[in-house]
Amino acid sequence: MNDLENLLNLDEEVYPLDNGYWVKFEAKKVKVTLAIPHGVKYSITLHDKRNHRIIGYDNAHSFKSGKKYGAKKETWDHIHKKMDIVSYEFESASQLIEDFWKTAEHYMDNN
């Protein structure tokens, strides 16, 4: 089984964590496009005890990154960290999962 299939198999999985946080995976195979060249629409989110999304990795909508007066790059892969959105460079499904867990663990360890 390849890493993309592993991500797709996690679709609709919810993982309650011992500390009261919980994680939800969504992943669907979609047609390859310029916006979604890897062919998967995904959302991986960390929620707090009050069910607020704290961190989310997804490609549900486009996001323009860049400086106020500089060139802006439009991307679909991005990270939500509370109220901020930053671009994310999708390399592979396994790297996506690893990056998400690193970010989530860092947040939970420091809050």
PDB file of N, CA and C in Angstrom:
ATOM      1  N   MET A   1       0.860  -1.178   0.000  1.00  0.00           N
ATOM      2  CA  MET A   1       0.000   0.000   0.000  1.00  0.00           C
ATOM      3  C   MET A   1       0.907   1.242   0.000  1.00  0.00           C
ATOM      4  N   ASN A   2       0.621   2.198  -0.885  1.00  0.00           N
ATOM      5  CA  ASN A   2       1.451   3.399  -0.922  1.00  0.00           C
ATOM      6  C   ASN A   2       0.947   4.449   0.075  1.00  0.00           C
ATOM      7  N   ASP A   3       1.718   5.515   0.241  1.00  0.00           N
ATOM      8  CA  ASP A   3       1.367   6.502   1.267  1.00  0.00           C
ATOM      9  C   ASP A   3       0.072   7.253   0.947  1.00  0.00           C
ATOM     10  N   LEU A   4      -0.252   7.448  -0.330  1.00  0.00           N
ATOM     11  CA  LEU A   4      -1.514   8.096  -0.684  1.00  0.00           C
ATOM     12  C   LEU A   4      -2.701   7.225  -0.267  1.00  0.00           C
ATOM     13  N   GLU A   5      -2.587   5.927  -0.475  1.00  0.00           N
ATOM     14  CA  GLU A   5      -3.646   5.005  -0.044  1.00  0.00           C
ATOM     15  C   GLU A   5      -3.786   5.022   1.479  1.00  0.00           C
ATOM     16  N   ASN A   6      -2.667   5.121   2.192  1.00  0.00           N
ATOM     17  CA  ASN A   6      -2.724   5.213   3.656  1.00  0.00           C
ATOM     18  C   ASN A   6      -3.518   6.436   4.091  1.00  0.00           C
ATOM     19  N   LEU A   7      -3.272   7.581   3.447  1.00  0.00           N
ATOM     20  CA  LEU A   7      -4.019   8.797   3.769  1.00  0.00           C
ATOM     21  C   LEU A   7      -5.497   8.617   3.438  1.00  0.00           C
ATOM     22  N   LEU A   8      -5.795   8.074   2.275  1.00  0.00           N
ATOM     23  CA  LEU A   8      -7.188   7.867   1.873  1.00  0.00           C
ATOM     24  C   LEU A   8      -7.916   6.922   2.832  1.00  0.00           C
ATOM     25  N   ASN A   9      -7.213   5.945   3.381  1.00  0.00           N
ATOM     26  CA  ASN A   9      -7.814   5.013   4.344  1.00  0.00           C
ATOM     27  C   ASN A   9      -8.131   5.676   5.683  1.00  0.00           C
ATOM     28  N   LEU A  10      -7.538   6.831   5.949  1.00  0.00           N
ATOM     29  CA  LEU A  10      -7.820   7.557   7.191  1.00  0.00           C
ATOM     30  C   LEU A  10      -9.063   8.446   7.084  1.00  0.00           C
ATOM     31  N   ASP A  11      -9.669   8.525   5.894  1.00  0.00           N
ATOM     32  CA  ASP A  11     -10.837   9.391   5.694  1.00  0.00           C
ATOM     33  C   ASP A  11     -11.915   9.130   6.744  1.00  0.00           C
ATOM     34  N   GLU A  12     -12.384  10.194   7.358  1.00  0.00           N
ATOM     35  CA  GLU A  12     -13.447  10.215   8.366  1.00  0.00           C
ATOM     36  C   GLU A  12     -13.042   9.586   9.698  1.00  0.00           C
ATOM     37  N   GLU A  13     -11.752   9.334   9.892  1.00  0.00           N
ATOM     38  CA  GLU A  13     -11.280   8.824  11.181  1.00  0.00           C
ATOM     39  C   GLU A  13     -11.174   9.976  12.176  1.00  0.00           C
ATOM     40  N   VAL A  14     -11.591   9.727  13.404  1.00  0.00           N
ATOM     41  CA  VAL A  14     -11.490  10.691  14.495  1.00  0.00           C
ATOM     42  C   VAL A  14     -10.728  10.015  15.624  1.00  0.00           C
ATOM     43  N   TYR A  15      -9.697  10.712  16.113  1.00  0.00           N
ATOM     44  CA  TYR A  15      -8.861  10.163  17.174  1.00  0.00           C
ATOM     45  C   TYR A  15      -8.923  11.045  18.413  1.00  0.00           C
ATOM     46  N   PRO A  16      -9.618  10.605  19.466  1.00  0.00           N
ATOM     47  CA  PRO A  16      -9.587  11.341  20.730  1.00  0.00           C
ATOM     48  C   PRO A  16      -8.235  11.084  21.407  1.00  0.00           C
ATOM     49  N   LEU A  17      -7.615  12.145  21.888  1.00  0.00           N
ATOM     50  CA  LEU A  17      -6.320  12.025  22.553  1.00  0.00           C
ATOM     51  C   LEU A  17      -6.516  12.089  24.063  1.00  0.00           C
ATOM     52  N   ASP A  18      -5.574  11.537  24.808  1.00  0.00           N
ATOM     53  CA  ASP A  18      -5.685  11.467  26.273  1.00  0.00           C
ATOM     54  C   ASP A  18      -5.792  12.840  26.935  1.00  0.00           C
ATOM     55  N   ASN A  19      -5.255  13.882  26.306  1.00  0.00           N
ATOM     56  CA  ASN A  19      -5.235  15.209  26.903  1.00  0.00           C
ATOM     57  C   ASN A  19      -6.493  16.038  26.611  1.00  0.00           C
ATOM     58  N   GLY A  20      -7.511  15.434  26.015  1.00  0.00           N
ATOM     59  CA  GLY A  20      -8.750  16.144  25.720  1.00  0.00           C
ATOM     60  C   GLY A  20      -8.833  16.693  24.309  1.00  0.00           C
ATOM     61  N   TYR A  21      -7.703  16.797  23.624  1.00  0.00           N
ATOM     62  CA  TYR A  21      -7.713  17.214  22.218  1.00  0.00           C
ATOM     63  C   TYR A  21      -8.189  16.045  21.369  1.00  0.00           C
ATOM     64  N   TRP A  22      -8.570  16.334  20.125  1.00  0.00           N
ATOM     65  CA  TRP A  22      -8.922  15.265  19.194  1.00  0.00           C
ATOM     66  C   TRP A  22      -8.551  15.668  17.784  1.00  0.00           C
ATOM     67  N   VAL A  23      -8.343  14.662  16.928  1.00  0.00           N
ATOM     68  CA  VAL A  23      -7.890  14.861  15.556  1.00  0.00           C
ATOM     69  C   VAL A  23      -8.891  14.224  14.608  1.00  0.00           C
ATOM     70  N   LYS A  24      -9.144  14.920  13.500  1.00  0.00           N
ATOM     71  CA  LYS A  24     -10.036  14.387  12.467  1.00  0.00           C
ATOM     72  C   LYS A  24      -9.322  14.395  11.126  1.00  0.00           C
ATOM     73  N   PHE A  25      -9.435  13.295  10.394  1.00  0.00           N
ATOM     74  CA  PHE A  25      -8.874  13.159   9.052  1.00  0.00           C
ATOM     75  C   PHE A  25      -9.997  13.132   8.027  1.00  0.00           C
ATOM     76  N   GLU A  26      -9.807  13.842   6.939  1.00  0.00           N
ATOM     77  CA  GLU A  26     -10.679  13.743   5.768  1.00  0.00           C
ATOM     78  C   GLU A  26      -9.761  13.681   4.558  1.00  0.00           C
ATOM     79  N   ALA A  27     -10.008  12.742   3.660  1.00  0.00           N
ATOM     80  CA  ALA A  27      -9.178  12.604   2.463  1.00  0.00           C
ATOM     81  C   ALA A  27      -9.982  11.905   1.372  1.00  0.00           C
ATOM     82  N   LYS A  28     -10.060  12.540   0.240  1.00  0.00           N
ATOM     83  CA  LYS A  28     -10.806  11.990  -0.895  1.00  0.00           C
ATOM     84  C   LYS A  28      -9.941  12.089  -2.157  1.00  0.00           C
ATOM     85  N   LYS A  29      -9.976  11.053  -2.937  1.00  0.00           N
ATOM     86  CA  LYS A  29      -9.290  11.075  -4.222  1.00  0.00           C
ATOM     87  C   LYS A  29     -10.097  11.963  -5.171  1.00  0.00           C
ATOM     88  N   VAL A  30      -9.416  12.869  -5.873  1.00  0.00           N
ATOM     89  CA  VAL A  30     -10.065  13.769  -6.818  1.00  0.00           C
ATOM     90  C   VAL A  30      -9.265  13.793  -8.118  1.00  0.00           C
ATOM     91  N   LYS A  31      -9.856  14.378  -9.114  1.00  0.00           N
ATOM     92  CA  LYS A  31      -9.191  14.530 -10.406  1.00  0.00           C
ATOM     93  C   LYS A  31      -7.962  15.420 -10.238  1.00  0.00           C
ATOM     94  N   VAL A  32      -6.868  15.035 -10.855  1.00  0.00           N
ATOM     95  CA  VAL A  32      -5.649  15.845 -10.825  1.00  0.00           C
ATOM     96  C   VAL A  32      -5.898  17.124 -11.620  1.00  0.00           C
ATOM     97  N   THR A  33      -5.608  18.251 -10.986  1.00  0.00           N
ATOM     98  CA  THR A  33      -5.746  19.568 -11.629  1.00  0.00           C
ATOM     99  C   THR A  33      -4.507  20.391 -11.301  1.00  0.00           C
ATOM    100  N   LEU A  34      -4.405  21.572 -11.877  1.00  0.00           N
ATOM    101  CA  LEU A  34      -3.303  22.467 -11.527  1.00  0.00           C
ATOM    102  C   LEU A  34      -3.360  22.834 -10.050  1.00  0.00           C
ATOM    103  N   ALA A  35      -4.561  23.018  -9.523  1.00  0.00           N
ATOM    104  CA  ALA A  35      -4.728  23.382  -8.116  1.00  0.00           C
ATOM    105  C   ALA A  35      -4.431  22.214  -7.183  1.00  0.00           C
ATOM    106  N   ILE A  36      -4.744  21.003  -7.610  1.00  0.00           N
ATOM    107  CA  ILE A  36      -4.541  19.805  -6.773  1.00  0.00           C
ATOM    108  C   ILE A  36      -3.772  18.768  -7.600  1.00  0.00           C
ATOM    109  N   PRO A  37      -2.472  19.008  -7.788  1.00  0.00           N
ATOM    110  CA  PRO A  37      -1.687  18.130  -8.663  1.00  0.00           C
ATOM    111  C   PRO A  37      -1.430  16.736  -8.094  1.00  0.00           C
ATOM    112  N   HIS A  38      -1.628  16.556  -6.798  1.00  0.00           N
ATOM    113  CA  HIS A  38      -1.393  15.252  -6.177  1.00  0.00           C
ATOM    114  C   HIS A  38      -2.650  14.390  -6.163  1.00  0.00           C
ATOM    115  N   GLY A  39      -3.791  14.952  -6.588  1.00  0.00           N
ATOM    116  CA  GLY A  39      -5.017  14.167  -6.752  1.00  0.00           C
ATOM    117  C   GLY A  39      -5.732  13.760  -5.480  1.00  0.00           C
ATOM    118  N   VAL A  40      -5.508  14.486  -4.392  1.00  0.00           N
ATOM    119  CA  VAL A  40      -6.223  14.192  -3.150  1.00  0.00           C
ATOM    120  C   VAL A  40      -6.641  15.500  -2.488  1.00  0.00           C
ATOM    121  N   LYS A  41      -7.910  15.548  -2.104  1.00  0.00           N
ATOM    122  CA  LYS A  41      -8.433  16.671  -1.337  1.00  0.00           C
ATOM    123  C   LYS A  41      -8.426  16.228   0.122  1.00  0.00           C
ATOM    124  N   TYR A  42      -7.790  17.024   0.984  1.00  0.00           N
ATOM    125  CA  TYR A  42      -7.586  16.577   2.355  1.00  0.00           C
ATOM    126  C   TYR A  42      -7.841  17.687   3.366  1.00  0.00           C
ATOM    127  N   SER A  43      -8.111  17.252   4.580  1.00  0.00           N
ATOM    128  CA  SER A  43      -8.222  18.129   5.737  1.00  0.00           C
ATOM    129  C   SER A  43      -7.856  17.298   6.961  1.00  0.00           C
ATOM    130  N   ILE A  44      -6.826  17.741   7.671  1.00  0.00           N
ATOM    131  CA  ILE A  44      -6.422  17.085   8.918  1.00  0.00           C
ATOM    132  C   ILE A  44      -6.440  18.175   9.980  1.00  0.00           C
ATOM    133  N   THR A  45      -7.240  17.973  11.024  1.00  0.00           N
ATOM    134  CA  THR A  45      -7.439  19.036  11.999  1.00  0.00           C
ATOM    135  C   THR A  45      -7.249  18.559  13.432  1.00  0.00           C
ATOM    136  N   LEU A  46      -6.719  19.477  14.248  1.00  0.00           N
ATOM    137  CA  LEU A  46      -6.590  19.272  15.684  1.00  0.00           C
ATOM    138  C   LEU A  46      -7.603  20.189  16.356  1.00  0.00           C
ATOM    139  N   HIS A  47      -8.402  19.625  17.275  1.00  0.00           N
ATOM    140  CA  HIS A  47      -9.439  20.377  17.977  1.00  0.00           C
ATOM    141  C   HIS A  47      -9.175  20.335  19.478  1.00  0.00           C
ATOM    142  N   ASP A  48      -9.594  21.407  20.168  1.00  0.00           N
ATOM    143  CA  ASP A  48      -9.413  21.439  21.614  1.00  0.00           C
ATOM    144  C   ASP A  48     -10.620  20.833  22.325  1.00  0.00           C
ATOM    145  N   LYS A  49     -10.615  20.910  23.643  1.00  0.00           N
ATOM    146  CA  LYS A  49     -11.673  20.310  24.461  1.00  0.00           C
ATOM    147  C   LYS A  49     -13.042  20.943  24.202  1.00  0.00           C
ATOM    148  N   ARG A  50     -13.050  22.185  23.710  1.00  0.00           N
ATOM    149  CA  ARG A  50     -14.310  22.884  23.407  1.00  0.00           C
ATOM    150  C   ARG A  50     -14.699  22.734  21.939  1.00  0.00           C
ATOM    151  N   ASN A  51     -14.024  21.814  21.248  1.00  0.00           N
ATOM    152  CA  ASN A  51     -14.278  21.516  19.827  1.00  0.00           C
ATOM    153  C   ASN A  51     -13.886  22.634  18.867  1.00  0.00           C
ATOM    154  N   HIS A  52     -13.001  23.540  19.289  1.00  0.00           N
ATOM    155  CA  HIS A  52     -12.491  24.580  18.397  1.00  0.00           C
ATOM    156  C   HIS A  52     -11.314  24.028  17.605  1.00  0.00           C
ATOM    157  N   ARG A  53     -11.295  24.322  16.308  1.00  0.00           N
ATOM    158  CA  ARG A  53     -10.153  23.904  15.494  1.00  0.00           C
ATOM    159  C   ARG A  53      -8.954  24.762  15.878  1.00  0.00           C
ATOM    160  N   ILE A  54      -7.872  24.111  16.246  1.00  0.00           N
ATOM    161  CA  ILE A  54      -6.646  24.790  16.632  1.00  0.00           C
ATOM    162  C   ILE A  54      -5.671  24.823  15.464  1.00  0.00           C
ATOM    163  N   ILE A  55      -5.518  23.687  14.807  1.00  0.00           N
ATOM    164  CA  ILE A  55      -4.608  23.556  13.670  1.00  0.00           C
ATOM    165  C   ILE A  55      -5.324  22.771  12.584  1.00  0.00           C
ATOM    166  N   GLY A  56      -5.126  23.177  11.350  1.00  0.00           N
ATOM    167  CA  GLY A  56      -5.701  22.437  10.235  1.00  0.00           C
ATOM    168  C   GLY A  56      -4.793  22.486   9.023  1.00  0.00           C
ATOM    169  N   TYR A  57      -4.491  21.345   8.476  1.00  0.00           N
ATOM    170  CA  TYR A  57      -3.777  21.240   7.200  1.00  0.00           C
ATOM    171  C   TYR A  57      -4.832  20.875   6.177  1.00  0.00           C
ATOM    172  N   ASP A  58      -4.979  21.683   5.119  1.00  0.00           N
ATOM    173  CA  ASP A  58      -5.982  21.339   4.113  1.00  0.00           C
ATOM    174  C   ASP A  58      -5.696  21.999   2.775  1.00  0.00           C
ATOM    175  N   ASN A  59      -6.488  21.613   1.796  1.00  0.00           N
ATOM    176  CA  ASN A  59      -6.441  22.236   0.472  1.00  0.00           C
ATOM    177  C   ASN A  59      -7.874  22.463  -0.018  1.00  0.00           C
ATOM    178  N   ALA A  60      -8.724  22.902   0.891  1.00  0.00           N
ATOM    179  CA  ALA A  60     -10.145  23.085   0.592  1.00  0.00           C
ATOM    180  C   ALA A  60     -10.427  24.348  -0.218  1.00  0.00           C
ATOM    181  N   HIS A  61      -9.530  25.309  -0.146  1.00  0.00           N
ATOM    182  CA  HIS A  61      -9.728  26.573  -0.870  1.00  0.00           C
ATOM    183  C   HIS A  61      -8.374  27.162  -1.201  1.00  0.00           C
ATOM    184  N   SER A  62      -8.355  28.082  -2.157  1.00  0.00           N
ATOM    185  CA  SER A  62      -7.083  28.700  -2.511  1.00  0.00           C
ATOM    186  C   SER A  62      -6.685  29.732  -1.461  1.00  0.00           C
ATOM    187  N   PHE A  63      -5.406  30.011  -1.421  1.00  0.00           N
ATOM    188  CA  PHE A  63      -4.847  30.938  -0.451  1.00  0.00           C
ATOM    189  C   PHE A  63      -3.714  31.670  -1.146  1.00  0.00           C
ATOM    190  N   LYS A  64      -3.695  32.985  -1.036  1.00  0.00           N
ATOM    191  CA  LYS A  64      -2.626  33.778  -1.635  1.00  0.00           C
ATOM    192  C   LYS A  64      -1.653  34.177  -0.552  1.00  0.00           C
ATOM    193  N   SER A  65      -0.418  33.737  -0.733  1.00  0.00           N
ATOM    194  CA  SER A  65       0.620  34.070   0.231  1.00  0.00           C
ATOM    195  C   SER A  65       1.561  35.086  -0.389  1.00  0.00           C
ATOM    196  N   GLY A  66       2.219  35.835   0.440  1.00  0.00           N
ATOM    197  CA  GLY A  66       3.189  36.810  -0.039  1.00  0.00           C
ATOM    198  C   GLY A  66       3.142  38.066   0.790  1.00  0.00           C
ATOM    199  N   LYS A  67       4.035  38.956   0.476  1.00  0.00           N
ATOM    200  CA  LYS A  67       4.125  40.210   1.205  1.00  0.00           C
ATOM    201  C   LYS A  67       3.068  41.184   0.706  1.00  0.00           C
ATOM    202  N   LYS A  68       2.803  42.189   1.517  1.00  0.00           N
ATOM    203  CA  LYS A  68       1.743  43.146   1.203  1.00  0.00           C
ATOM    204  C   LYS A  68       1.918  43.769  -0.176  1.00  0.00           C
ATOM    205  N   TYR A  69       3.145  44.170  -0.523  1.00  0.00           N
ATOM    206  CA  TYR A  69       3.379  44.828  -1.812  1.00  0.00           C
ATOM    207  C   TYR A  69       4.195  43.974  -2.780  1.00  0.00           C
ATOM    208  N   GLY A  70       4.487  42.747  -2.410  1.00  0.00           N
ATOM    209  CA  GLY A  70       5.265  41.859  -3.267  1.00  0.00           C
ATOM    210  C   GLY A  70       4.361  40.945  -4.073  1.00  0.00           C
ATOM    211  N   ALA A  71       5.006  40.075  -4.820  1.00  0.00           N
ATOM    212  CA  ALA A  71       4.252  39.109  -5.619  1.00  0.00           C
ATOM    213  C   ALA A  71       3.555  38.117  -4.693  1.00  0.00           C
ATOM    214  N   LYS A  72       2.366  37.763  -5.046  1.00  0.00           N
ATOM    215  CA  LYS A  72       1.603  36.799  -4.260  1.00  0.00           C
ATOM    216  C   LYS A  72       1.568  35.477  -5.009  1.00  0.00           C
ATOM    217  N   LYS A  73       1.736  34.400  -4.274  1.00  0.00           N
ATOM    218  CA  LYS A  73       1.675  33.053  -4.839  1.00  0.00           C
ATOM    219  C   LYS A  73       0.355  32.433  -4.408  1.00  0.00           C
ATOM    220  N   GLU A  74      -0.412  31.958  -5.371  1.00  0.00           N
ATOM    221  CA  GLU A  74      -1.672  31.282  -5.033  1.00  0.00           C
ATOM    222  C   GLU A  74      -1.411  29.795  -4.888  1.00  0.00           C
ATOM    223  N   THR A  75      -1.859  29.258  -3.785  1.00  0.00           N
ATOM    224  CA  THR A  75      -1.690  27.843  -3.501  1.00  0.00           C
ATOM    225  C   THR A  75      -2.958  27.310  -2.864  1.00  0.00           C
ATOM    226  N   TRP A  76      -3.164  26.030  -2.953  1.00  0.00           N
ATOM    227  CA  TRP A  76      -4.317  25.399  -2.304  1.00  0.00           C
ATOM    228  C   TRP A  76      -3.909  24.706  -1.021  1.00  0.00           C
ATOM    229  N   ASP A  77      -2.682  24.207  -0.959  1.00  0.00           N
ATOM    230  CA  ASP A  77      -2.194  23.524   0.236  1.00  0.00           C
ATOM    231  C   ASP A  77      -1.776  24.579   1.254  1.00  0.00           C
ATOM    232  N   HIS A  78      -2.336  24.499   2.458  1.00  0.00           N
ATOM    233  CA  HIS A  78      -2.026  25.497   3.472  1.00  0.00           C
ATOM    234  C   HIS A  78      -2.304  24.960   4.873  1.00  0.00           C
ATOM    235  N   ILE A  79      -1.879  25.752   5.858  1.00  0.00           N
ATOM    236  CA  ILE A  79      -2.040  25.393   7.257  1.00  0.00           C
ATOM    237  C   ILE A  79      -2.796  26.504   7.963  1.00  0.00           C
ATOM    238  N   HIS A  80      -3.798  26.145   8.740  1.00  0.00           N
ATOM    239  CA  HIS A  80      -4.490  27.083   9.619  1.00  0.00           C
ATOM    240  C   HIS A  80      -3.903  26.892  11.011  1.00  0.00           C
ATOM    241  N   LYS A  81      -3.415  27.970  11.590  1.00  0.00           N
ATOM    242  CA  LYS A  81      -2.941  27.936  12.979  1.00  0.00           C
ATOM    243  C   LYS A  81      -3.694  29.026  13.704  1.00  0.00           C
ATOM    244  N   LYS A  82      -4.716  28.615  14.412  1.00  0.00           N
ATOM    245  CA  LYS A  82      -5.669  29.532  15.040  1.00  0.00           C
ATOM    246  C   LYS A  82      -6.194  30.467  13.966  1.00  0.00           C
ATOM    247  N   MET A  83      -5.869  31.753  14.016  1.00  0.00           N
ATOM    248  CA  MET A  83      -6.419  32.712  13.045  1.00  0.00           C
ATOM    249  C   MET A  83      -5.496  32.937  11.847  1.00  0.00           C
ATOM    250  N   ASP A  84      -4.296  32.393  11.846  1.00  0.00           N
ATOM    251  CA  ASP A  84      -3.342  32.597  10.759  1.00  0.00           C
ATOM    252  C   ASP A  84      -3.438  31.486   9.728  1.00  0.00           C
ATOM    253  N   ILE A  85      -3.106  31.841   8.487  1.00  0.00           N
ATOM    254  CA  ILE A  85      -3.025  30.849   7.408  1.00  0.00           C
ATOM    255  C   ILE A  85      -1.661  31.009   6.759  1.00  0.00           C
ATOM    256  N   VAL A  86      -0.949  29.905   6.601  1.00  0.00           N
ATOM    257  CA  VAL A  86       0.350  29.918   5.932  1.00  0.00           C
ATOM    258  C   VAL A  86       0.353  28.835   4.864  1.00  0.00           C
ATOM    259  N   SER A  87       1.115  29.067   3.802  1.00  0.00           N
ATOM    260  CA  SER A  87       1.157  28.077   2.728  1.00  0.00           C
ATOM    261  C   SER A  87       1.895  26.825   3.191  1.00  0.00           C
ATOM    262  N   TYR A  88       1.575  25.728   2.549  1.00  0.00           N
ATOM    263  CA  TYR A  88       2.192  24.435   2.848  1.00  0.00           C
ATOM    264  C   TYR A  88       2.619  23.810   1.534  1.00  0.00           C
ATOM    265  N   GLU A  89       3.820  23.284   1.490  1.00  0.00           N
ATOM    266  CA  GLU A  89       4.334  22.632   0.289  1.00  0.00           C
ATOM    267  C   GLU A  89       4.098  21.134   0.396  1.00  0.00           C
ATOM    268  N   PHE A  90       3.081  20.628  -0.303  1.00  0.00           N
ATOM    269  CA  PHE A  90       2.751  19.198  -0.282  1.00  0.00           C
ATOM    270  C   PHE A  90       3.835  18.436  -1.018  1.00  0.00           C
ATOM    271  N   GLU A  91       4.493  17.500  -0.306  1.00  0.00           N
ATOM    272  CA  GLU A  91       5.513  16.645  -0.921  1.00  0.00           C
ATOM    273  C   GLU A  91       4.977  15.249  -1.153  1.00  0.00           C
ATOM    274  N   SER A  92       4.317  14.700  -0.131  1.00  0.00           N
ATOM    275  CA  SER A  92       3.739  13.362  -0.215  1.00  0.00           C
ATOM    276  C   SER A  92       2.712  13.229   0.903  1.00  0.00           C
ATOM    277  N   ALA A  93       1.868  12.234   0.791  1.00  0.00           N
ATOM    278  CA  ALA A  93       0.847  12.017   1.819  1.00  0.00           C
ATOM    279  C   ALA A  93       1.490  11.658   3.158  1.00  0.00           C
ATOM    280  N   SER A  94       2.536  10.846   3.134  1.00  0.00           N
ATOM    281  CA  SER A  94       3.182  10.474   4.403  1.00  0.00           C
ATOM    282  C   SER A  94       3.869  11.670   5.040  1.00  0.00           C
ATOM    283  N   GLN A  95       4.456  12.558   4.235  1.00  0.00           N
ATOM    284  CA  GLN A  95       5.091  13.760   4.780  1.00  0.00           C
ATOM    285  C   GLN A  95       4.034  14.695   5.359  1.00  0.00           C
ATOM    286  N   LEU A  96       2.889  14.785   4.709  1.00  0.00           N
ATOM    287  CA  LEU A  96       1.775  15.595   5.216  1.00  0.00           C
ATOM    288  C   LEU A  96       1.366  15.132   6.612  1.00  0.00           C
ATOM    289  N   ILE A  97       1.182  13.835   6.774  1.00  0.00           N
ATOM    290  CA  ILE A  97       0.772  13.288   8.074  1.00  0.00           C
ATOM    291  C   ILE A  97       1.849  13.541   9.122  1.00  0.00           C
ATOM    292  N   GLU A  98       3.098  13.321   8.757  1.00  0.00           N
ATOM    293  CA  GLU A  98       4.205  13.557   9.688  1.00  0.00           C
ATOM    294  C   GLU A  98       4.278  15.032  10.092  1.00  0.00           C
ATOM    295  N   ASP A  99       4.163  15.936   9.117  1.00  0.00           N
ATOM    296  CA  ASP A  99       4.211  17.371   9.411  1.00  0.00           C
ATOM    297  C   ASP A  99       3.059  17.791  10.314  1.00  0.00           C
ATOM    298  N   PHE A 100       1.862  17.254  10.041  1.00  0.00           N
ATOM    299  CA  PHE A 100       0.716  17.583  10.885  1.00  0.00           C
ATOM    300  C   PHE A 100       0.974  17.163  12.328  1.00  0.00           C
ATOM    301  N   TRP A 101       1.405  15.915  12.538  1.00  0.00           N
ATOM    302  CA  TRP A 101       1.610  15.422  13.906  1.00  0.00           C
ATOM    303  C   TRP A 101       2.704  16.203  14.620  1.00  0.00           C
ATOM    304  N   LYS A 102       3.764  16.601  13.903  1.00  0.00           N
ATOM    305  CA  LYS A 102       4.816  17.418  14.521  1.00  0.00           C
ATOM    306  C   LYS A 102       4.255  18.759  14.988  1.00  0.00           C
ATOM    307  N   THR A 103       3.462  19.395  14.137  1.00  0.00           N
ATOM    308  CA  THR A 103       2.859  20.681  14.484  1.00  0.00           C
ATOM    309  C   THR A 103       1.892  20.523  15.650  1.00  0.00           C
ATOM    310  N   ALA A 104       1.062  19.491  15.604  1.00  0.00           N
ATOM    311  CA  ALA A 104       0.084  19.255  16.668  1.00  0.00           C
ATOM    312  C   ALA A 104       0.779  18.975  18.000  1.00  0.00           C
ATOM    313  N   GLU A 105       1.787  18.121  17.974  1.00  0.00           N
ATOM    314  CA  GLU A 105       2.520  17.803  19.214  1.00  0.00           C
ATOM    315  C   GLU A 105       3.205  19.037  19.784  1.00  0.00           C
ATOM    316  N   HIS A 106       3.803  19.846  18.913  1.00  0.00           N
ATOM    317  CA  HIS A 106       4.455  21.075  19.365  1.00  0.00           C
ATOM    318  C   HIS A 106       3.429  21.995  20.029  1.00  0.00           C
ATOM    319  N   TYR A 107       2.278  22.143  19.411  1.00  0.00           N
ATOM    320  CA  TYR A 107       1.233  22.998  19.999  1.00  0.00           C
ATOM    321  C   TYR A 107       0.790  22.454  21.359  1.00  0.00           C
ATOM    322  N   MET A 108       0.495  21.166  21.432  1.00  0.00           N
ATOM    323  CA  MET A 108      -0.005  20.593  22.680  1.00  0.00           C
ATOM    324  C   MET A 108       1.046  20.631  23.792  1.00  0.00           C
ATOM    325  N   ASP A 109       2.322  20.485  23.437  1.00  0.00           N
ATOM    326  CA  ASP A 109       3.393  20.542  24.431  1.00  0.00           C
ATOM    327  C   ASP A 109       3.594  21.957  24.989  1.00  0.00           C
ATOM    328  N   ASN A 110       3.204  22.967  24.218  1.00  0.00           N
ATOM    329  CA  ASN A 110       3.471  24.351  24.605  1.00  0.00           C
ATOM    330  C   ASN A 110       2.226  25.135  25.024  1.00  0.00           C
ATOM    331  N   ASN A 111       1.106  24.473  25.151  1.00  0.00           N
ATOM    332  CA  ASN A 111      -0.128  25.166  25.557  1.00  0.00           C
ATOM    333  C   ASN A 111      -0.837  24.406  26.654  1.00  0.00           C
TER     334      ASN A 111
END
